């Protein structure tokens, strides 16, 4: 890692924690959809929902891969890693806001929107740190 500073490290740790959570949830949706649907989301299971388990599980695994890619690029000192992180954060923020306004659920607003906003903020600040490191080298 090229002379990373505190903000960049926080950004990477934030992405790592989120990637672990997304990997776990995505795996649970793929391999035990019925239990996950009931216990994590409070939704009554129906076999007609099985296709959603596959789609959501794979979506979360893709999100995990994008978070890991963002971390790797950021560790290598590339600002494209922070840009990807900001895009991921914007997506999470939007998801949380939509679940709140469309469904009235605060769990998405609190969980996804807050971590999305934090990811956007630390991604932006991390990009500035990386740019400053390149200028000072």
N, C-alpha and C. Protein backbone atom coordinates (compact mmCIF):
# COMPACT_ATOMS: atom_id res chain seq x y z
N UNK A 1 0.86 -1.18 0.00
CA UNK A 1 0.00 0.00 0.00
C UNK A 1 0.90 1.23 0.00
N UNK A 2 0.59 2.16 -0.83
CA UNK A 2 1.39 3.37 -0.95
C UNK A 2 0.99 4.40 0.10
N UNK A 3 1.80 4.58 1.12
CA UNK A 3 1.61 5.64 2.11
C UNK A 3 0.14 6.00 2.36
N UNK A 4 -0.66 5.02 2.72
CA UNK A 4 -2.07 5.36 2.97
C UNK A 4 -2.19 6.05 4.33
N UNK A 5 -3.16 6.88 4.41
CA UNK A 5 -3.40 7.62 5.63
C UNK A 5 -4.63 7.08 6.32
N UNK A 6 -5.00 7.70 7.40
CA UNK A 6 -6.06 7.21 8.27
C UNK A 6 -7.40 7.08 7.55
N UNK A 7 -7.81 8.09 6.82
CA UNK A 7 -9.12 8.08 6.15
C UNK A 7 -9.20 6.93 5.15
N UNK A 8 -8.12 6.73 4.39
CA UNK A 8 -8.11 5.65 3.41
C UNK A 8 -8.20 4.30 4.10
N UNK A 9 -7.53 4.14 5.21
CA UNK A 9 -7.62 2.88 5.96
C UNK A 9 -9.03 2.66 6.50
N UNK A 10 -9.66 3.70 6.99
CA UNK A 10 -11.04 3.58 7.48
C UNK A 10 -11.96 3.18 6.32
N UNK A 11 -11.76 3.79 5.16
CA UNK A 11 -12.56 3.45 3.97
C UNK A 11 -12.40 1.98 3.62
N UNK A 12 -11.18 1.48 3.64
CA UNK A 12 -10.92 0.08 3.30
C UNK A 12 -11.55 -0.85 4.33
N UNK A 13 -11.42 -0.53 5.61
CA UNK A 13 -12.02 -1.36 6.67
C UNK A 13 -13.55 -1.34 6.56
N UNK A 14 -14.12 -0.18 6.27
CA UNK A 14 -15.56 -0.05 6.10
C UNK A 14 -16.04 -0.95 4.96
N UNK A 15 -15.33 -0.93 3.85
CA UNK A 15 -15.68 -1.79 2.72
C UNK A 15 -15.51 -3.27 3.07
N UNK A 16 -14.46 -3.59 3.82
CA UNK A 16 -14.21 -4.99 4.19
C UNK A 16 -15.34 -5.54 5.07
N UNK A 17 -15.76 -4.75 6.04
CA UNK A 17 -16.85 -5.18 6.93
C UNK A 17 -18.13 -5.38 6.12
N UNK A 18 -18.42 -4.44 5.23
CA UNK A 18 -19.61 -4.55 4.41
C UNK A 18 -19.54 -5.76 3.47
N UNK A 19 -18.37 -6.01 2.92
CA UNK A 19 -18.20 -7.15 2.01
C UNK A 19 -18.46 -8.46 2.74
N UNK A 20 -18.00 -8.56 3.98
CA UNK A 20 -18.23 -9.77 4.77
C UNK A 20 -19.72 -9.96 5.03
N UNK A 21 -20.40 -8.87 5.38
CA UNK A 21 -21.84 -8.94 5.64
C UNK A 21 -22.60 -9.34 4.37
N UNK A 22 -22.26 -8.71 3.24
CA UNK A 22 -22.94 -9.01 1.98
C UNK A 22 -22.67 -10.44 1.54
N UNK A 23 -21.44 -10.91 1.73
CA UNK A 23 -21.10 -12.28 1.38
C UNK A 23 -21.92 -13.27 2.21
N UNK A 24 -22.02 -13.01 3.50
CA UNK A 24 -22.80 -13.88 4.37
C UNK A 24 -24.27 -13.90 4.00
N UNK A 25 -24.84 -12.72 3.83
CA UNK A 25 -26.26 -12.64 3.50
C UNK A 25 -26.56 -13.23 2.12
N UNK A 26 -25.69 -12.94 1.15
CA UNK A 26 -25.87 -13.49 -0.19
C UNK A 26 -25.80 -15.01 -0.20
N UNK A 27 -24.85 -15.55 0.55
CA UNK A 27 -24.73 -17.01 0.65
C UNK A 27 -25.95 -17.61 1.33
N UNK A 28 -26.42 -16.97 2.37
CA UNK A 28 -27.62 -17.46 3.06
C UNK A 28 -28.83 -17.46 2.13
N UNK A 29 -28.97 -16.41 1.34
CA UNK A 29 -30.10 -16.34 0.41
C UNK A 29 -30.01 -17.43 -0.66
N UNK A 30 -28.81 -17.73 -1.11
CA UNK A 30 -28.64 -18.76 -2.14
C UNK A 30 -28.84 -20.17 -1.60
N UNK A 31 -28.35 -20.42 -0.39
CA UNK A 31 -28.33 -21.79 0.10
C UNK A 31 -29.39 -22.13 1.14
N UNK A 32 -30.03 -21.15 1.73
CA UNK A 32 -31.12 -21.40 2.68
C UNK A 32 -32.11 -20.24 2.61
N UNK A 33 -32.69 -20.08 1.45
CA UNK A 33 -33.56 -18.94 1.17
C UNK A 33 -34.76 -18.88 2.12
N UNK A 34 -35.41 -20.00 2.33
CA UNK A 34 -36.63 -20.02 3.15
C UNK A 34 -36.37 -19.50 4.56
N UNK A 35 -35.36 -20.02 5.23
CA UNK A 35 -35.05 -19.58 6.59
C UNK A 35 -34.62 -18.12 6.63
N UNK A 36 -33.79 -17.72 5.65
CA UNK A 36 -33.30 -16.34 5.60
C UNK A 36 -34.45 -15.37 5.39
N UNK A 37 -35.36 -15.73 4.50
CA UNK A 37 -36.50 -14.86 4.20
C UNK A 37 -37.34 -14.60 5.45
N UNK A 38 -37.59 -15.66 6.20
CA UNK A 38 -38.43 -15.53 7.39
C UNK A 38 -37.68 -14.84 8.53
N UNK A 39 -36.44 -15.29 8.81
CA UNK A 39 -35.73 -14.78 9.99
C UNK A 39 -35.12 -13.39 9.78
N UNK A 40 -34.58 -13.13 8.61
CA UNK A 40 -33.91 -11.84 8.40
C UNK A 40 -34.85 -10.74 7.94
N UNK A 41 -35.88 -11.12 7.18
CA UNK A 41 -36.74 -10.09 6.58
C UNK A 41 -38.19 -10.14 7.07
N UNK A 42 -38.55 -11.18 7.80
CA UNK A 42 -39.90 -11.29 8.31
C UNK A 42 -40.94 -11.47 7.22
N UNK A 43 -40.57 -12.15 6.14
CA UNK A 43 -41.48 -12.36 5.01
C UNK A 43 -41.88 -13.82 4.97
N UNK A 44 -43.17 -14.07 4.83
CA UNK A 44 -43.67 -15.44 4.76
C UNK A 44 -43.18 -16.09 3.46
N UNK A 45 -42.65 -17.29 3.59
CA UNK A 45 -42.08 -18.00 2.44
C UNK A 45 -43.17 -18.60 1.56
N UNK A 46 -42.92 -18.53 0.26
CA UNK A 46 -43.73 -19.22 -0.74
C UNK A 46 -42.75 -19.72 -1.80
N UNK A 47 -43.00 -20.89 -2.34
CA UNK A 47 -42.09 -21.45 -3.35
C UNK A 47 -42.02 -20.56 -4.60
N UNK A 48 -43.00 -19.70 -4.80
CA UNK A 48 -42.98 -18.78 -5.94
C UNK A 48 -41.92 -17.70 -5.78
N UNK A 49 -41.41 -17.54 -4.58
CA UNK A 49 -40.37 -16.53 -4.32
C UNK A 49 -38.96 -17.06 -4.53
N UNK A 50 -38.81 -18.36 -4.80
CA UNK A 50 -37.48 -18.96 -4.92
C UNK A 50 -36.59 -18.26 -5.94
N UNK A 51 -37.15 -17.82 -7.03
CA UNK A 51 -36.35 -17.14 -8.05
C UNK A 51 -35.74 -15.85 -7.50
N UNK A 52 -36.45 -15.21 -6.60
CA UNK A 52 -35.92 -13.99 -5.98
C UNK A 52 -34.72 -14.30 -5.08
N UNK A 53 -34.73 -15.46 -4.45
CA UNK A 53 -33.60 -15.87 -3.62
C UNK A 53 -32.34 -16.01 -4.45
N UNK A 54 -32.48 -16.58 -5.63
CA UNK A 54 -31.33 -16.72 -6.52
C UNK A 54 -30.86 -15.35 -7.00
N UNK A 55 -31.80 -14.53 -7.45
CA UNK A 55 -31.44 -13.21 -7.97
C UNK A 55 -30.81 -12.34 -6.89
N UNK A 56 -31.42 -12.29 -5.70
CA UNK A 56 -30.88 -11.46 -4.62
C UNK A 56 -29.55 -11.99 -4.10
N UNK A 57 -29.44 -13.31 -3.99
CA UNK A 57 -28.19 -13.91 -3.54
C UNK A 57 -27.05 -13.58 -4.48
N UNK A 58 -27.28 -13.74 -5.78
CA UNK A 58 -26.24 -13.43 -6.76
C UNK A 58 -25.93 -11.94 -6.81
N UNK A 59 -26.96 -11.11 -6.65
CA UNK A 59 -26.75 -9.66 -6.60
C UNK A 59 -25.83 -9.30 -5.44
N UNK A 60 -26.06 -9.90 -4.27
CA UNK A 60 -25.23 -9.58 -3.11
C UNK A 60 -23.81 -10.10 -3.28
N UNK A 61 -23.64 -11.23 -3.96
CA UNK A 61 -22.29 -11.71 -4.24
C UNK A 61 -21.58 -10.80 -5.24
N UNK A 62 -22.32 -10.26 -6.20
CA UNK A 62 -21.74 -9.28 -7.13
C UNK A 62 -21.33 -8.02 -6.38
N UNK A 63 -22.18 -7.56 -5.49
CA UNK A 63 -21.88 -6.39 -4.67
C UNK A 63 -20.63 -6.64 -3.83
N UNK A 64 -20.49 -7.85 -3.29
CA UNK A 64 -19.30 -8.22 -2.53
C UNK A 64 -18.06 -8.12 -3.41
N UNK A 65 -18.15 -8.67 -4.62
CA UNK A 65 -17.01 -8.63 -5.54
C UNK A 65 -16.62 -7.18 -5.88
N UNK A 66 -17.61 -6.32 -6.07
CA UNK A 66 -17.33 -4.92 -6.37
C UNK A 66 -16.67 -4.22 -5.18
N UNK A 67 -17.09 -4.56 -3.98
CA UNK A 67 -16.48 -3.98 -2.78
C UNK A 67 -15.02 -4.43 -2.66
N UNK A 68 -14.77 -5.69 -2.93
CA UNK A 68 -13.41 -6.20 -2.87
C UNK A 68 -12.54 -5.53 -3.94
N UNK A 69 -13.08 -5.38 -5.13
CA UNK A 69 -12.36 -4.70 -6.21
C UNK A 69 -12.04 -3.26 -5.82
N UNK A 70 -12.99 -2.59 -5.21
CA UNK A 70 -12.77 -1.22 -4.74
C UNK A 70 -11.65 -1.18 -3.71
N UNK A 71 -11.64 -2.15 -2.80
CA UNK A 71 -10.59 -2.22 -1.79
C UNK A 71 -9.22 -2.44 -2.43
N UNK A 72 -9.14 -3.39 -3.35
CA UNK A 72 -7.86 -3.72 -3.99
C UNK A 72 -7.31 -2.51 -4.75
N UNK A 73 -8.16 -1.86 -5.52
CA UNK A 73 -7.71 -0.68 -6.27
C UNK A 73 -7.27 0.43 -5.33
N UNK A 74 -8.00 0.62 -4.25
CA UNK A 74 -7.64 1.68 -3.30
C UNK A 74 -6.32 1.35 -2.62
N UNK A 75 -6.12 0.09 -2.25
CA UNK A 75 -4.86 -0.32 -1.63
C UNK A 75 -3.69 -0.07 -2.59
N UNK A 76 -3.93 -0.27 -3.88
CA UNK A 76 -2.89 -0.02 -4.88
C UNK A 76 -2.69 1.47 -5.17
N UNK A 77 -3.49 2.31 -4.52
CA UNK A 77 -3.34 3.75 -4.68
C UNK A 77 -4.07 4.33 -5.87
N UNK A 78 -4.99 3.57 -6.44
CA UNK A 78 -5.75 4.03 -7.60
C UNK A 78 -7.03 4.73 -7.13
N UNK A 79 -7.26 5.91 -7.63
CA UNK A 79 -8.47 6.63 -7.23
C UNK A 79 -9.73 5.99 -7.84
N UNK A 80 -9.57 5.15 -8.84
CA UNK A 80 -10.74 4.44 -9.38
C UNK A 80 -11.36 3.53 -8.33
N UNK A 81 -10.56 3.08 -7.36
CA UNK A 81 -11.10 2.28 -6.26
C UNK A 81 -12.03 3.10 -5.38
N UNK A 82 -11.65 4.32 -5.11
CA UNK A 82 -12.51 5.18 -4.29
C UNK A 82 -13.75 5.59 -5.08
N UNK A 83 -13.60 5.79 -6.38
CA UNK A 83 -14.76 6.13 -7.22
C UNK A 83 -15.77 4.99 -7.20
N UNK A 84 -15.28 3.77 -7.35
CA UNK A 84 -16.18 2.62 -7.29
C UNK A 84 -16.85 2.53 -5.92
N UNK A 85 -16.10 2.80 -4.87
CA UNK A 85 -16.66 2.79 -3.52
C UNK A 85 -17.76 3.83 -3.34
N UNK A 86 -17.55 5.01 -3.90
CA UNK A 86 -18.57 6.07 -3.83
C UNK A 86 -19.83 5.65 -4.58
N UNK A 87 -19.66 5.01 -5.73
CA UNK A 87 -20.81 4.52 -6.51
C UNK A 87 -21.57 3.45 -5.72
N UNK A 88 -20.84 2.54 -5.08
CA UNK A 88 -21.47 1.52 -4.24
C UNK A 88 -22.24 2.20 -3.09
N UNK A 89 -21.62 3.19 -2.47
CA UNK A 89 -22.28 3.92 -1.39
C UNK A 89 -23.54 4.62 -1.86
N UNK A 90 -23.49 5.23 -3.04
CA UNK A 90 -24.67 5.91 -3.59
C UNK A 90 -25.79 4.90 -3.85
N UNK A 91 -25.41 3.72 -4.34
CA UNK A 91 -26.41 2.68 -4.58
C UNK A 91 -27.07 2.26 -3.27
N UNK A 92 -26.27 2.03 -2.23
CA UNK A 92 -26.82 1.62 -0.93
C UNK A 92 -27.71 2.71 -0.34
N UNK A 93 -27.28 3.97 -0.45
CA UNK A 93 -28.08 5.09 0.03
C UNK A 93 -29.42 5.14 -0.69
N UNK A 94 -29.39 5.00 -2.00
CA UNK A 94 -30.62 5.03 -2.80
C UNK A 94 -31.53 3.86 -2.44
N UNK A 95 -30.94 2.68 -2.28
CA UNK A 95 -31.72 1.50 -1.90
C UNK A 95 -32.45 1.73 -0.58
N UNK A 96 -31.71 2.23 0.41
CA UNK A 96 -32.32 2.48 1.72
C UNK A 96 -33.43 3.51 1.66
N UNK A 97 -33.23 4.57 0.89
CA UNK A 97 -34.26 5.60 0.76
C UNK A 97 -35.50 5.06 0.05
N UNK A 98 -35.29 4.28 -1.01
CA UNK A 98 -36.43 3.71 -1.73
C UNK A 98 -37.23 2.74 -0.85
N UNK A 99 -36.54 1.90 -0.07
CA UNK A 99 -37.28 0.98 0.79
C UNK A 99 -38.09 1.73 1.84
N UNK A 100 -37.56 2.85 2.28
CA UNK A 100 -38.30 3.64 3.27
C UNK A 100 -39.52 4.31 2.63
N UNK A 101 -39.32 5.00 1.51
CA UNK A 101 -40.42 5.75 0.90
C UNK A 101 -41.45 4.86 0.21
N UNK A 102 -41.01 3.75 -0.36
CA UNK A 102 -41.95 2.87 -1.05
C UNK A 102 -42.65 1.90 -0.10
N UNK A 103 -41.91 1.38 0.90
CA UNK A 103 -42.46 0.34 1.77
C UNK A 103 -42.66 0.79 3.21
N UNK A 104 -42.12 1.96 3.55
CA UNK A 104 -42.25 2.44 4.92
C UNK A 104 -41.38 1.69 5.90
N UNK A 105 -40.39 0.95 5.41
CA UNK A 105 -39.51 0.15 6.27
C UNK A 105 -38.29 0.98 6.67
N UNK A 106 -38.05 1.05 7.96
CA UNK A 106 -36.91 1.83 8.44
C UNK A 106 -35.63 1.02 8.50
N UNK A 107 -35.70 -0.32 8.40
CA UNK A 107 -34.49 -1.13 8.47
C UNK A 107 -33.54 -0.82 7.31
N UNK A 108 -34.07 -0.66 6.10
CA UNK A 108 -33.24 -0.29 4.96
C UNK A 108 -32.72 1.13 5.08
N UNK A 109 -33.56 2.00 5.61
CA UNK A 109 -33.14 3.40 5.78
C UNK A 109 -32.00 3.49 6.77
N UNK A 110 -32.13 2.81 7.89
CA UNK A 110 -31.10 2.87 8.92
C UNK A 110 -29.85 2.10 8.49
N UNK A 111 -30.02 0.87 8.07
CA UNK A 111 -28.87 0.03 7.74
C UNK A 111 -28.17 0.43 6.45
N UNK A 112 -28.89 0.40 5.35
CA UNK A 112 -28.28 0.62 4.05
C UNK A 112 -27.95 2.08 3.79
N UNK A 113 -28.85 2.97 4.13
CA UNK A 113 -28.60 4.39 3.85
C UNK A 113 -27.45 4.95 4.67
N UNK A 114 -27.38 4.58 5.92
CA UNK A 114 -26.30 5.10 6.77
C UNK A 114 -24.95 4.57 6.31
N UNK A 115 -24.86 3.26 6.05
CA UNK A 115 -23.56 2.75 5.61
C UNK A 115 -23.24 3.22 4.19
N UNK A 116 -24.25 3.43 3.37
CA UNK A 116 -24.01 3.98 2.04
C UNK A 116 -23.46 5.40 2.13
N UNK A 117 -24.06 6.20 2.99
CA UNK A 117 -23.60 7.58 3.17
C UNK A 117 -22.17 7.61 3.73
N UNK A 118 -21.91 6.77 4.72
CA UNK A 118 -20.55 6.70 5.28
C UNK A 118 -19.53 6.26 4.22
N UNK A 119 -19.92 5.30 3.39
CA UNK A 119 -19.03 4.84 2.32
C UNK A 119 -18.75 5.96 1.33
N UNK A 120 -19.78 6.71 0.99
CA UNK A 120 -19.60 7.84 0.07
C UNK A 120 -18.66 8.90 0.67
N UNK A 121 -18.89 9.23 1.92
CA UNK A 121 -18.07 10.26 2.57
C UNK A 121 -16.62 9.82 2.66
N UNK A 122 -16.38 8.61 3.20
CA UNK A 122 -15.01 8.15 3.34
C UNK A 122 -14.36 7.86 1.99
N UNK A 123 -15.13 7.47 1.00
CA UNK A 123 -14.60 7.28 -0.34
C UNK A 123 -14.12 8.60 -0.93
N UNK A 124 -14.92 9.62 -0.77
CA UNK A 124 -14.55 10.95 -1.27
C UNK A 124 -13.29 11.47 -0.56
N UNK A 125 -13.29 11.36 0.76
CA UNK A 125 -12.13 11.83 1.53
C UNK A 125 -10.88 11.01 1.21
N UNK A 126 -11.07 9.72 1.01
CA UNK A 126 -9.96 8.84 0.66
C UNK A 126 -9.39 9.20 -0.71
N UNK A 127 -10.26 9.54 -1.66
CA UNK A 127 -9.79 9.96 -2.99
C UNK A 127 -8.92 11.21 -2.86
N UNK A 128 -9.32 12.13 -2.00
CA UNK A 128 -8.52 13.34 -1.78
C UNK A 128 -7.16 12.99 -1.16
N UNK A 129 -7.15 12.06 -0.21
CA UNK A 129 -5.89 11.63 0.38
C UNK A 129 -4.97 10.99 -0.66
N UNK A 130 -5.54 10.14 -1.50
CA UNK A 130 -4.72 9.48 -2.52
C UNK A 130 -4.15 10.50 -3.50
N UNK A 131 -4.97 11.48 -3.87
CA UNK A 131 -4.48 12.52 -4.79
C UNK A 131 -3.37 13.33 -4.14
N UNK A 132 -3.53 13.67 -2.87
CA UNK A 132 -2.51 14.42 -2.15
C UNK A 132 -1.22 13.62 -1.99
N UNK A 133 -1.36 12.29 -1.76
CA UNK A 133 -0.18 11.43 -1.67
C UNK A 133 0.59 11.42 -2.97
N UNK A 134 -0.12 11.39 -4.11
CA UNK A 134 0.56 11.38 -5.41
C UNK A 134 1.29 12.69 -5.67
N UNK A 135 0.69 13.79 -5.19
CA UNK A 135 1.33 15.10 -5.39
C UNK A 135 2.57 15.25 -4.53
N UNK A 136 2.54 14.65 -3.34
CA UNK A 136 3.65 14.79 -2.39
C UNK A 136 4.78 13.80 -2.64
N UNK A 137 4.57 12.81 -3.49
CA UNK A 137 5.60 11.79 -3.72
C UNK A 137 6.64 12.27 -4.67
